[in-house]
Amino acid sequence: MEQTIQQTNIRKGLTKLVIPIFIETLLIMMLGAVDTIMLSQYSDESVAAVGVVNQIVMFAFLIFEVINIGTSVLCSQYLGAGLKNKMVQVVGVSLLLNLVVGILVSAILHYGATTLLGWMGLRPELLKYGIGYMEIVGAFAFFQAISLTISASLRSANKAIYPMLVTVLVNVMNIIGNYSLIFGKFGLPAMGAEGAAISTSIARGVSMIVLFVILFKKHIPSFPLALFRPFPWKELKNLLKVGLPSAGENMSYSFSQVVITYLINILGNDSLATRTYTVNTTMFVYLFAIAMAQGGAISIGHLVGQKKIRAAYLLGKYVMRLSILVSLGLSCIWAIFGHTIFSLLTDNEHIIRLGVTILIVDVIVEIGRAVNIYATNALRSAGDVNFPFYVGLVVQWTVSVGLSYLFGIHWGWGLVGMWCAFLLDENIRALIFVKRWNSLKWAKKGFVR
């Protein structure tokens, strides 16, 4: 009876985390989707170009995750164990590192825009849109580096409501800014893709400032110098111990997507635009899985810090089952209404037909993806950070990339063939991760001794 009550309380706490994380993640996804939807009214070429740029930018953003994933895991376990000073040290070190790394990444994206897009094989008719967008968004990438660190800290302390509210503000600003600068409203010039970039960058800057204010008022009033003298090298080491393999898995996945985007570019502009539209619509299918996984990871981290391994295990199983159920249901709905969805985005009949077929294949993709999103977050939060990295590195590159080339290019199945490769990749990794969670080998890898 007591164990049932405990599980009920844990699930209630999970719900309080998941709802604001769900809304925040939805709005973050909409931030990119709004750019795509509004630019689709401008031209399919601008959508295709921005889709390629966002692959590069999101890959760069994953560098920040080296620190942010470590921040989330360590803060969750330290707060679960009642070690508040260690938590403050972790957040302080994280902010400093991501500021330095963020400025460096911003410089590379801004000054290397032409070179990087050239490496991606972007055709001249798309380069004119891509370069301007990337130079602007890239220059202010450090805004996102800082914002992600603060948000990770707030969520680990069960204060997920605040990043959610900030994201609401950012989205409203971005929609108004996009409308004004893409199409030239309210006396402003019509700037197309560059207008979308300016709007997005301003919104991210405001987000960073507001999150700083919330951090100091609601979570960490100050960072006493006494906690950083001498410098907490142990916490830096722990951050990197968690962050490097965790972000390495994310970066491996993202870089594999960059390579796949290069392969899709070979198929032509229609395939590239279809892929961009599909990615921006299917993101809403696995949105719930992301929110459940992030909320579950924080709760699992707290339980591991408290040495409640059995409760953590059962919570992980619950998160996985619910994530699969919701993702499967939503992907079926997307497939049924595929023609309507793509017709709203473009009048190109070839893109519409191709997109509808891909959404049918994607139903099976989302089953594996839901498991992978849950499992990687759960294993990391428990301290088992190397296993997801090794599995991702091997399976993503041999199955997702290798079979994408074989199915899509060599055998001539095109974009649909590539989606079949994604189906195999996601579900093979899902089976491996389920077996790992059930083995309980992660139970002895926590950071609180």
Protein backbone atom coordinates (compact mmCIF):
# COMPACT_ATOMS: atom_id res chain seq x y z
CA MET A 1 0.00 0.00 0.00
CA GLU A 2 2.79 2.42 0.96
CA GLN A 3 4.66 1.71 -2.30
CA THR A 4 1.46 2.40 -4.32
CA ILE A 5 0.99 5.74 -2.58
CA GLN A 6 4.64 6.63 -3.23
CA GLN A 7 4.30 5.79 -6.94
CA THR A 8 1.12 7.90 -7.13
CA ASN A 9 2.91 10.88 -5.55
CA ILE A 10 5.87 10.47 -7.91
CA ARG A 11 3.54 10.44 -10.92
CA LYS A 12 1.75 13.56 -9.66
CA GLY A 13 5.13 15.29 -9.34
CA LEU A 14 5.99 14.12 -12.86
CA THR A 15 2.75 15.63 -14.20
CA LYS A 16 3.61 19.01 -12.66
CA LEU A 17 6.93 18.89 -14.51
CA VAL A 18 5.68 17.50 -17.80
CA ILE A 19 2.86 19.98 -18.46
CA PRO A 20 5.05 23.15 -18.48
CA ILE A 21 7.88 21.30 -20.27
CA PHE A 22 5.35 20.13 -22.89
CA ILE A 23 4.09 23.67 -23.46
CA GLU A 24 7.62 25.09 -23.51
CA THR A 25 8.84 22.46 -25.98
CA LEU A 26 5.77 23.01 -28.16
CA LEU A 27 6.48 26.73 -28.30
CA ILE A 28 10.21 26.18 -28.99
CA MET A 29 9.27 23.93 -31.90
CA MET A 30 6.80 26.55 -33.10
CA LEU A 31 9.60 29.09 -33.10
CA GLY A 32 11.23 27.18 -35.96
CA ALA A 33 7.93 26.09 -37.51
CA VAL A 34 6.67 29.69 -37.65
CA ASP A 35 9.72 30.62 -39.73
CA THR A 36 8.99 27.71 -42.09
CA ILE A 37 5.24 28.39 -42.38
CA MET A 38 5.65 32.11 -42.99
CA LEU A 39 8.52 31.61 -45.44
CA SER A 40 6.39 29.04 -47.31
CA GLN A 41 4.18 31.98 -48.29
CA TYR A 42 7.30 33.75 -49.55
CA SER A 43 8.84 30.88 -51.60
CA ASP A 44 9.61 27.14 -51.48
CA GLU A 45 13.26 28.02 -52.24
CA SER A 46 13.60 30.06 -49.05
CA VAL A 47 12.09 27.17 -47.06
CA ALA A 48 14.58 24.69 -48.55
CA ALA A 49 17.53 27.03 -47.86
CA VAL A 50 16.51 27.77 -44.27
CA GLY A 51 15.99 24.02 -43.70
CA VAL A 52 19.63 23.37 -44.61
CA VAL A 53 20.84 26.29 -42.47
CA ASN A 54 18.87 25.04 -39.48
CA GLN A 55 20.55 21.63 -39.77
CA ILE A 56 23.93 23.34 -39.36
CA VAL A 57 22.75 25.72 -36.63
CA MET A 58 21.08 22.96 -34.61
CA PHE A 59 24.24 20.89 -34.89
CA ALA A 60 26.20 23.85 -33.49
CA PHE A 61 23.65 24.26 -30.69
CA LEU A 62 24.35 20.68 -29.63
CA ILE A 63 27.83 21.82 -28.61
CA PHE A 64 26.10 23.77 -25.83
CA GLU A 65 24.43 20.54 -24.73
CA VAL A 66 27.82 19.22 -23.55
CA ILE A 67 27.32 21.51 -20.57
CA ASN A 68 23.52 21.67 -20.38
CA ILE A 69 22.96 17.91 -20.15
CA GLY A 70 25.55 17.73 -17.37
CA THR A 71 23.85 20.66 -15.63
CA SER A 72 20.46 18.95 -15.67
CA VAL A 73 21.74 15.55 -14.47
CA LEU A 74 24.01 16.86 -11.71
CA CYS A 75 21.53 19.45 -10.43
CA SER A 76 18.76 16.82 -10.27
CA GLN A 77 20.89 14.36 -8.31
CA TYR A 78 22.39 17.04 -6.00
CA LEU A 79 18.97 18.53 -5.24
CA GLY A 80 17.60 15.04 -4.57
CA ALA A 81 20.45 14.50 -2.09
CA GLY A 82 20.04 18.00 -0.55
CA LEU A 83 23.48 19.26 -1.71
CA LYS A 84 22.48 22.84 -2.62
CA ASN A 85 25.97 24.38 -2.62
CA LYS A 86 27.16 21.82 -5.14
CA MET A 87 24.16 22.67 -7.30
CA VAL A 88 25.11 26.39 -7.23
CA GLN A 89 28.67 25.50 -8.23
CA VAL A 90 27.42 23.45 -11.17
CA VAL A 91 25.19 26.25 -12.48
CA GLY A 92 27.93 28.88 -12.12
CA VAL A 93 30.52 26.78 -13.96
CA SER A 94 27.95 25.93 -16.66
CA LEU A 95 27.08 29.57 -17.34
CA LEU A 96 30.73 30.57 -17.63
CA LEU A 97 31.61 27.73 -20.00
CA ASN A 98 28.61 28.18 -22.27
CA LEU A 99 29.23 31.92 -22.52
CA VAL A 100 32.77 31.32 -23.78
CA VAL A 101 31.78 28.45 -26.07
CA GLY A 102 28.70 30.34 -27.29
CA ILE A 103 30.71 33.36 -28.43
CA LEU A 104 33.17 31.11 -30.27
CA VAL A 105 30.36 29.19 -32.03
CA SER A 106 28.63 32.47 -32.96
CA ALA A 107 31.79 33.71 -34.66
CA ILE A 108 32.21 30.47 -36.63
CA LEU A 109 28.59 30.43 -37.84
CA HIS A 110 28.60 34.11 -38.82
CA TYR A 111 31.93 34.35 -40.59
CA GLY A 112 31.84 30.82 -41.99
CA ALA A 113 28.31 30.93 -43.44
CA THR A 114 29.34 30.93 -47.10
CA THR A 115 31.93 28.20 -46.60
CA LEU A 116 29.68 25.91 -44.55
CA LEU A 117 26.74 26.19 -46.96
CA GLY A 118 29.11 25.60 -49.84
CA TRP A 119 30.22 22.35 -48.19
CA MET A 120 26.54 21.35 -48.01
CA GLY A 121 26.32 21.69 -51.80
CA LEU A 122 23.59 24.33 -51.68
CA ARG A 123 22.75 25.47 -55.20
CA PRO A 124 23.16 29.15 -56.22
CA GLU A 125 19.40 29.83 -56.29
CA LEU A 126 19.23 28.76 -52.62
CA LEU A 127 22.49 30.33 -51.43
CA LYS A 128 21.07 33.85 -51.70
CA TYR A 129 18.51 32.95 -49.03
CA GLY A 130 20.72 30.70 -46.92
CA ILE A 131 23.77 32.93 -46.41
CA GLY A 132 21.88 35.98 -45.13
CA TYR A 133 19.78 33.87 -42.75
CA MET A 134 22.77 31.99 -41.36
CA GLU A 135 24.96 35.07 -40.85
CA ILE A 136 22.30 36.71 -38.69
CA VAL A 137 21.07 33.68 -36.70
CA GLY A 138 24.64 32.43 -36.26
CA ALA A 139 25.97 35.73 -34.94
CA PHE A 140 23.64 35.56 -31.93
CA ALA A 141 23.84 31.84 -31.20
CA PHE A 142 25.37 32.60 -27.77
CA PHE A 143 21.93 33.89 -26.65
CA GLN A 144 20.67 30.33 -26.96
CA ALA A 145 23.71 28.90 -25.15
CA ILE A 146 22.98 30.93 -22.02
CA SER A 147 19.21 30.46 -22.18
CA LEU A 148 19.50 26.68 -22.42
CA THR A 149 21.75 26.55 -19.34
CA ILE A 150 19.39 28.65 -17.21
CA SER A 151 16.36 26.65 -18.36
CA ALA A 152 18.09 23.35 -17.51
CA SER A 153 18.84 24.63 -14.01
CA LEU A 154 15.27 25.84 -13.40
CA ARG A 155 13.69 22.61 -14.64
CA SER A 156 15.96 20.46 -12.46
CA ALA A 157 14.66 22.41 -9.44
CA ASN A 158 11.00 21.73 -10.39
CA LYS A 159 10.59 25.31 -11.66
CA ALA A 160 9.72 24.37 -15.24
CA ILE A 161 6.85 26.89 -15.28
CA TYR A 162 9.26 29.82 -15.69
CA PRO A 163 11.05 28.71 -18.90
CA MET A 164 7.60 27.93 -20.28
CA LEU A 165 6.30 31.46 -19.62
CA VAL A 166 9.42 32.98 -21.18
CA THR A 167 8.94 30.85 -24.28
CA VAL A 168 5.35 32.14 -24.60
CA LEU A 169 6.74 35.70 -24.67
CA VAL A 170 9.41 34.74 -27.21
CA ASN A 171 6.91 33.15 -29.58
CA VAL A 172 4.59 36.12 -29.56
CA MET A 173 7.55 38.38 -30.34
CA ASN A 174 8.78 36.07 -33.09
CA ILE A 175 5.39 35.85 -34.82
CA ILE A 176 4.98 39.63 -34.83
CA GLY A 177 8.59 40.13 -35.91
CA ASN A 178 8.35 37.56 -38.71
CA TYR A 179 5.15 39.05 -40.07
CA SER A 180 6.68 42.52 -40.02
CA LEU A 181 10.11 41.72 -41.47
CA ILE A 182 9.41 38.87 -43.91
CA PHE A 183 6.56 40.63 -45.70
CA GLY A 184 7.38 44.28 -44.96
CA LYS A 185 4.52 45.34 -42.67
CA PHE A 186 4.14 48.35 -40.34
CA GLY A 187 6.47 50.44 -42.53
CA LEU A 188 9.37 47.95 -42.28
CA PRO A 189 11.20 46.58 -45.35
CA ALA A 190 10.26 43.15 -46.81
CA MET A 191 13.41 41.13 -46.07
CA GLY A 192 12.29 37.50 -46.60
CA ALA A 193 14.61 34.96 -45.00
CA GLU A 194 16.84 37.66 -43.46
CA GLY A 195 13.77 39.19 -41.81
CA ALA A 196 12.93 35.84 -40.21
CA ALA A 197 16.52 35.60 -38.93
CA ILE A 198 16.44 39.08 -37.37
CA SER A 199 13.11 38.37 -35.67
CA THR A 200 14.29 35.02 -34.26
CA SER A 201 17.56 36.50 -32.97
CA ILE A 202 15.83 39.40 -31.18
CA ALA A 203 13.38 36.99 -29.56
CA ARG A 204 16.24 34.79 -28.31
CA GLY A 205 18.03 37.83 -26.87
CA VAL A 206 14.96 38.89 -24.89
CA SER A 207 14.56 35.28 -23.68
CA MET A 208 18.10 35.25 -22.28
CA ILE A 209 17.63 38.52 -20.38
CA VAL A 210 14.30 37.50 -18.83
CA LEU A 211 15.63 34.08 -17.81
CA PHE A 212 18.55 35.72 -16.02
CA VAL A 213 16.12 37.86 -14.01
CA ILE A 214 14.07 34.77 -13.08
CA LEU A 215 17.19 32.79 -12.13
CA PHE A 216 18.26 35.40 -9.58
CA LYS A 217 14.77 36.08 -8.20
CA LYS A 218 13.36 32.55 -8.02
CA HIS A 219 16.21 30.05 -7.87
CA ILE A 220 19.76 31.22 -7.11
CA PRO A 221 19.88 34.73 -5.55
CA SER A 222 23.67 34.97 -5.94
CA PHE A 223 26.82 33.04 -6.77
CA PRO A 224 29.06 33.52 -3.67
CA LEU A 225 32.73 33.74 -4.63
CA ALA A 226 33.58 31.51 -1.67
CA LEU A 227 31.99 28.59 -3.54
CA PHE A 228 34.31 29.17 -6.51
CA ARG A 229 37.60 29.69 -4.61
CA PRO A 230 39.34 27.46 -5.30
CA PHE A 231 37.70 26.76 -8.65
CA PRO A 232 35.39 23.67 -8.38
CA TRP A 233 37.33 21.49 -10.80
CA LYS A 234 35.53 18.39 -9.56
CA GLU A 235 32.18 19.77 -10.71
CA LEU A 236 33.68 20.75 -14.06
CA LYS A 237 35.01 17.21 -14.40
CA ASN A 238 31.58 15.77 -13.55
CA LEU A 239 29.89 18.13 -16.03
CA LEU A 240 32.17 16.94 -18.79
CA LYS A 241 31.90 13.31 -17.68
CA VAL A 242 28.14 13.51 -18.19
CA GLY A 243 28.08 16.06 -20.98
CA LEU A 244 30.72 14.83 -23.42
CA PRO A 245 29.28 11.37 -24.13
CA SER A 246 25.69 12.64 -23.86
CA ALA A 247 26.23 15.54 -26.22
CA GLY A 248 28.41 13.27 -28.32
CA GLU A 249 25.40 11.04 -28.95
CA ASN A 250 23.28 14.08 -29.85
CA MET A 251 26.01 15.49 -32.07
CA SER A 252 26.47 12.14 -33.79
CA TYR A 253 22.75 12.09 -34.55
CA SER A 254 22.71 15.70 -35.70
CA PHE A 255 25.80 15.29 -37.88
CA SER A 256 24.28 12.16 -39.40
CA GLN A 257 21.26 14.32 -40.26
CA VAL A 258 23.57 16.89 -41.88
CA VAL A 259 25.04 14.11 -44.05
CA ILE A 260 21.54 12.84 -44.87
CA THR A 261 20.50 16.40 -45.79
CA TYR A 262 23.45 16.47 -48.18
CA LEU A 263 22.19 13.21 -49.74
CA ILE A 264 18.64 14.58 -49.99
CA ASN A 265 20.04 17.69 -51.68
CA ILE A 266 21.30 15.37 -54.46
CA LEU A 267 17.68 14.30 -55.07
CA GLY A 268 16.66 17.90 -55.89
CA ASN A 269 14.87 20.95 -54.49
CA ASP A 270 11.47 19.23 -54.18
CA SER A 271 12.88 16.46 -51.98
CA LEU A 272 14.74 19.02 -49.87
CA ALA A 273 11.61 21.14 -49.38
CA THR A 274 9.52 18.01 -48.62
CA ARG A 275 12.00 16.94 -45.98
CA THR A 276 11.92 20.41 -44.38
CA TYR A 277 8.11 20.47 -44.30
CA THR A 278 7.96 16.89 -42.94
CA VAL A 279 10.52 17.50 -40.18
CA ASN A 280 8.70 20.64 -39.05
CA THR A 281 5.32 18.89 -38.93
CA THR A 282 6.36 15.53 -37.42
CA MET A 283 8.12 17.36 -34.58
CA PHE A 284 4.68 17.89 -33.09
CA VAL A 285 4.11 14.11 -33.12
CA TYR A 286 6.98 13.35 -30.74
CA LEU A 287 6.56 16.52 -28.72
CA PHE A 288 4.79 14.67 -25.90
CA ALA A 289 7.56 12.04 -25.82
CA ILE A 290 10.16 14.80 -25.40
CA ALA A 291 8.24 16.43 -22.55
CA MET A 292 7.66 13.09 -20.80
CA ALA A 293 11.32 12.11 -21.22
CA GLN A 294 12.65 15.41 -19.86
CA GLY A 295 10.24 15.48 -16.94
CA GLY A 296 10.88 11.81 -16.27
CA ALA A 297 14.66 12.32 -16.38
CA ILE A 298 14.48 15.04 -13.73
CA SER A 299 12.30 12.86 -11.47
CA ILE A 300 14.54 9.83 -12.05
CA GLY A 301 17.59 11.97 -11.20
CA HIS A 302 15.97 13.03 -7.92
CA LEU A 303 15.12 9.39 -7.09
CA VAL A 304 18.64 8.18 -7.91
CA GLY A 305 20.02 10.94 -5.66
CA GLN A 306 17.75 9.63 -2.90
CA LYS A 307 18.89 6.01 -3.60
CA LYS A 308 15.33 4.95 -4.58
CA ILE A 309 16.36 2.74 -7.52
CA ARG A 310 13.21 0.59 -7.71
CA ALA A 311 11.00 3.69 -7.85
CA ALA A 312 13.20 5.14 -10.60
CA TYR A 313 12.95 1.91 -12.61
CA LEU A 314 9.15 1.76 -12.40
CA LEU A 315 8.82 5.44 -13.27
CA GLY A 316 10.95 4.89 -16.38
CA LYS A 317 8.72 2.02 -17.54
CA TYR A 318 5.64 4.21 -17.03
CA VAL A 319 7.14 7.08 -19.04
CA MET A 320 8.07 4.74 -21.90
CA ARG A 321 4.61 3.13 -22.19
CA LEU A 322 2.78 6.45 -22.17
CA SER A 323 5.20 8.03 -24.67
CA ILE A 324 4.75 5.17 -27.17
CA LEU A 325 0.95 5.26 -26.87
CA VAL A 326 0.64 9.01 -27.49
CA SER A 327 3.26 9.15 -30.28
CA LEU A 328 1.61 6.25 -32.12
CA GLY A 329 -1.83 7.85 -31.89
CA LEU A 330 -0.61 11.24 -33.11
CA SER A 331 1.44 9.80 -35.98
CA CYS A 332 -1.66 7.94 -37.23
CA ILE A 333 -3.65 11.18 -37.17
CA TRP A 334 -0.86 12.97 -39.08
CA ALA A 335 -0.83 10.20 -41.71
CA ILE A 336 -4.62 10.35 -42.14
CA PHE A 337 -4.59 14.12 -42.64
CA GLY A 338 -1.29 14.22 -44.55
CA HIS A 339 -2.78 15.62 -47.75
CA THR A 340 -4.49 18.44 -45.86
CA ILE A 341 -1.31 19.29 -43.92
CA PHE A 342 0.91 19.53 -47.00
CA SER A 343 -1.76 21.35 -49.04
CA LEU A 344 -1.71 24.10 -46.42
CA LEU A 345 2.07 24.45 -46.79
CA THR A 346 2.55 24.28 -50.58
CA ASP A 347 0.68 24.01 -53.90
CA ASN A 348 3.42 21.84 -55.45
CA GLU A 349 1.62 18.54 -56.21
CA HIS A 350 4.84 16.51 -56.28
CA ILE A 351 5.82 17.72 -52.78
CA ILE A 352 2.29 16.98 -51.50
CA ARG A 353 2.25 13.39 -52.85
CA LEU A 354 5.75 12.68 -51.57
CA GLY A 355 4.98 14.14 -48.15
CA VAL A 356 1.79 12.07 -47.75
CA THR A 357 3.70 8.83 -48.47
CA ILE A 358 6.43 9.73 -45.99
CA LEU A 359 3.91 10.43 -43.21
CA ILE A 360 2.56 6.87 -43.64
CA VAL A 361 6.06 5.39 -43.23
CA ASP A 362 6.66 7.74 -40.30
CA VAL A 363 3.99 6.00 -38.18
CA ILE A 364 6.42 3.15 -37.50
CA VAL A 365 9.37 5.55 -37.14
CA GLU A 366 7.63 7.28 -34.22
CA ILE A 367 7.28 4.08 -32.17
CA GLY A 368 11.05 3.65 -32.03
CA ARG A 369 11.68 7.36 -31.66
CA ALA A 370 9.45 7.58 -28.56
CA VAL A 371 11.44 4.81 -26.87
CA ASN A 372 14.79 6.36 -27.82
CA ILE A 373 13.85 9.81 -26.54
CA TYR A 374 12.76 8.32 -23.22
CA ALA A 375 15.68 5.90 -22.85
CA THR A 376 18.54 8.26 -23.62
CA ASN A 377 17.20 10.83 -21.14
CA ALA A 378 16.47 8.24 -18.45
CA LEU A 379 19.86 6.52 -18.71
CA ARG A 380 21.73 9.85 -18.62
CA SER A 381 19.79 11.06 -15.58
CA ALA A 382 20.81 7.88 -13.76
CA GLY A 383 24.46 8.46 -14.68
CA ASP A 384 24.67 5.80 -17.42
CA VAL A 385 25.98 8.28 -20.00
CA ASN A 386 28.31 6.20 -22.16
CA PHE A 387 25.91 3.47 -23.30
CA PRO A 388 23.55 5.75 -25.32
CA PHE A 389 26.58 7.32 -27.00
CA TYR A 390 28.05 4.01 -28.18
CA VAL A 391 24.70 2.67 -29.39
CA GLY A 392 23.87 5.90 -31.21
CA LEU A 393 27.28 6.15 -32.85
CA VAL A 394 27.18 2.62 -34.27
CA VAL A 395 23.52 2.27 -35.26
CA GLN A 396 22.88 5.80 -36.57
CA TRP A 397 25.82 5.71 -38.96
CA THR A 398 25.54 2.12 -40.17
CA VAL A 399 21.74 1.99 -40.47
CA SER A 400 20.41 5.55 -40.82
CA VAL A 401 23.19 7.01 -42.98
CA GLY A 402 24.39 3.82 -44.69
CA LEU A 403 20.94 2.58 -45.66
CA SER A 404 19.79 6.09 -46.61
CA TYR A 405 22.45 6.11 -49.30
CA LEU A 406 21.71 2.50 -50.31
CA PHE A 407 17.91 2.85 -50.41
CA GLY A 408 17.60 6.48 -51.47
CA ILE A 409 20.49 7.05 -53.88
CA HIS A 410 21.97 3.71 -54.99
CA TRP A 411 18.69 1.80 -55.40
CA GLY A 412 16.80 4.94 -56.45
CA TRP A 413 13.98 4.77 -53.92
CA GLY A 414 14.39 8.48 -53.22
CA LEU A 415 13.16 10.21 -50.06
CA VAL A 416 10.72 7.41 -49.20
CA GLY A 417 13.62 4.94 -49.21
CA MET A 418 15.54 7.17 -46.82
CA TRP A 419 12.55 7.24 -44.46
CA CYS A 420 12.57 3.43 -44.47
CA ALA A 421 16.20 3.61 -43.30
CA PHE A 422 15.13 5.95 -40.47
CA LEU A 423 12.44 3.41 -39.52
CA LEU A 424 15.04 0.67 -39.09
CA ASP A 425 17.47 2.93 -37.21
CA GLU A 426 14.96 4.16 -34.63
CA ASN A 427 13.48 0.73 -33.89
CA ILE A 428 16.78 -1.16 -33.67
CA ARG A 429 18.08 1.36 -31.13
CA ALA A 430 14.76 1.19 -29.25
CA LEU A 431 15.08 -2.57 -28.72
CA ILE A 432 18.65 -2.19 -27.43
CA PHE A 433 17.67 0.57 -24.97
CA VAL A 434 14.68 -1.33 -23.56
CA LYS A 435 16.95 -4.27 -22.79
CA ARG A 436 19.45 -1.92 -21.09
CA TRP A 437 16.82 -0.32 -18.84
CA ASN A 438 15.42 -3.70 -17.81
CA SER A 439 18.93 -4.95 -16.92
CA LEU A 440 19.30 -2.30 -14.15
CA LYS A 441 23.00 -1.93 -15.00
CA TRP A 442 22.51 1.85 -14.79
CA ALA A 443 21.66 1.65 -11.07
CA LYS A 444 25.30 1.92 -9.86
CA LYS A 445 26.41 4.84 -12.03
CA GLY A 446 25.03 7.82 -10.04
CA PHE A 447 27.15 10.79 -8.90
CA VAL A 448 25.91 10.94 -5.30
CA ARG A 449 27.87 8.49 -3.11
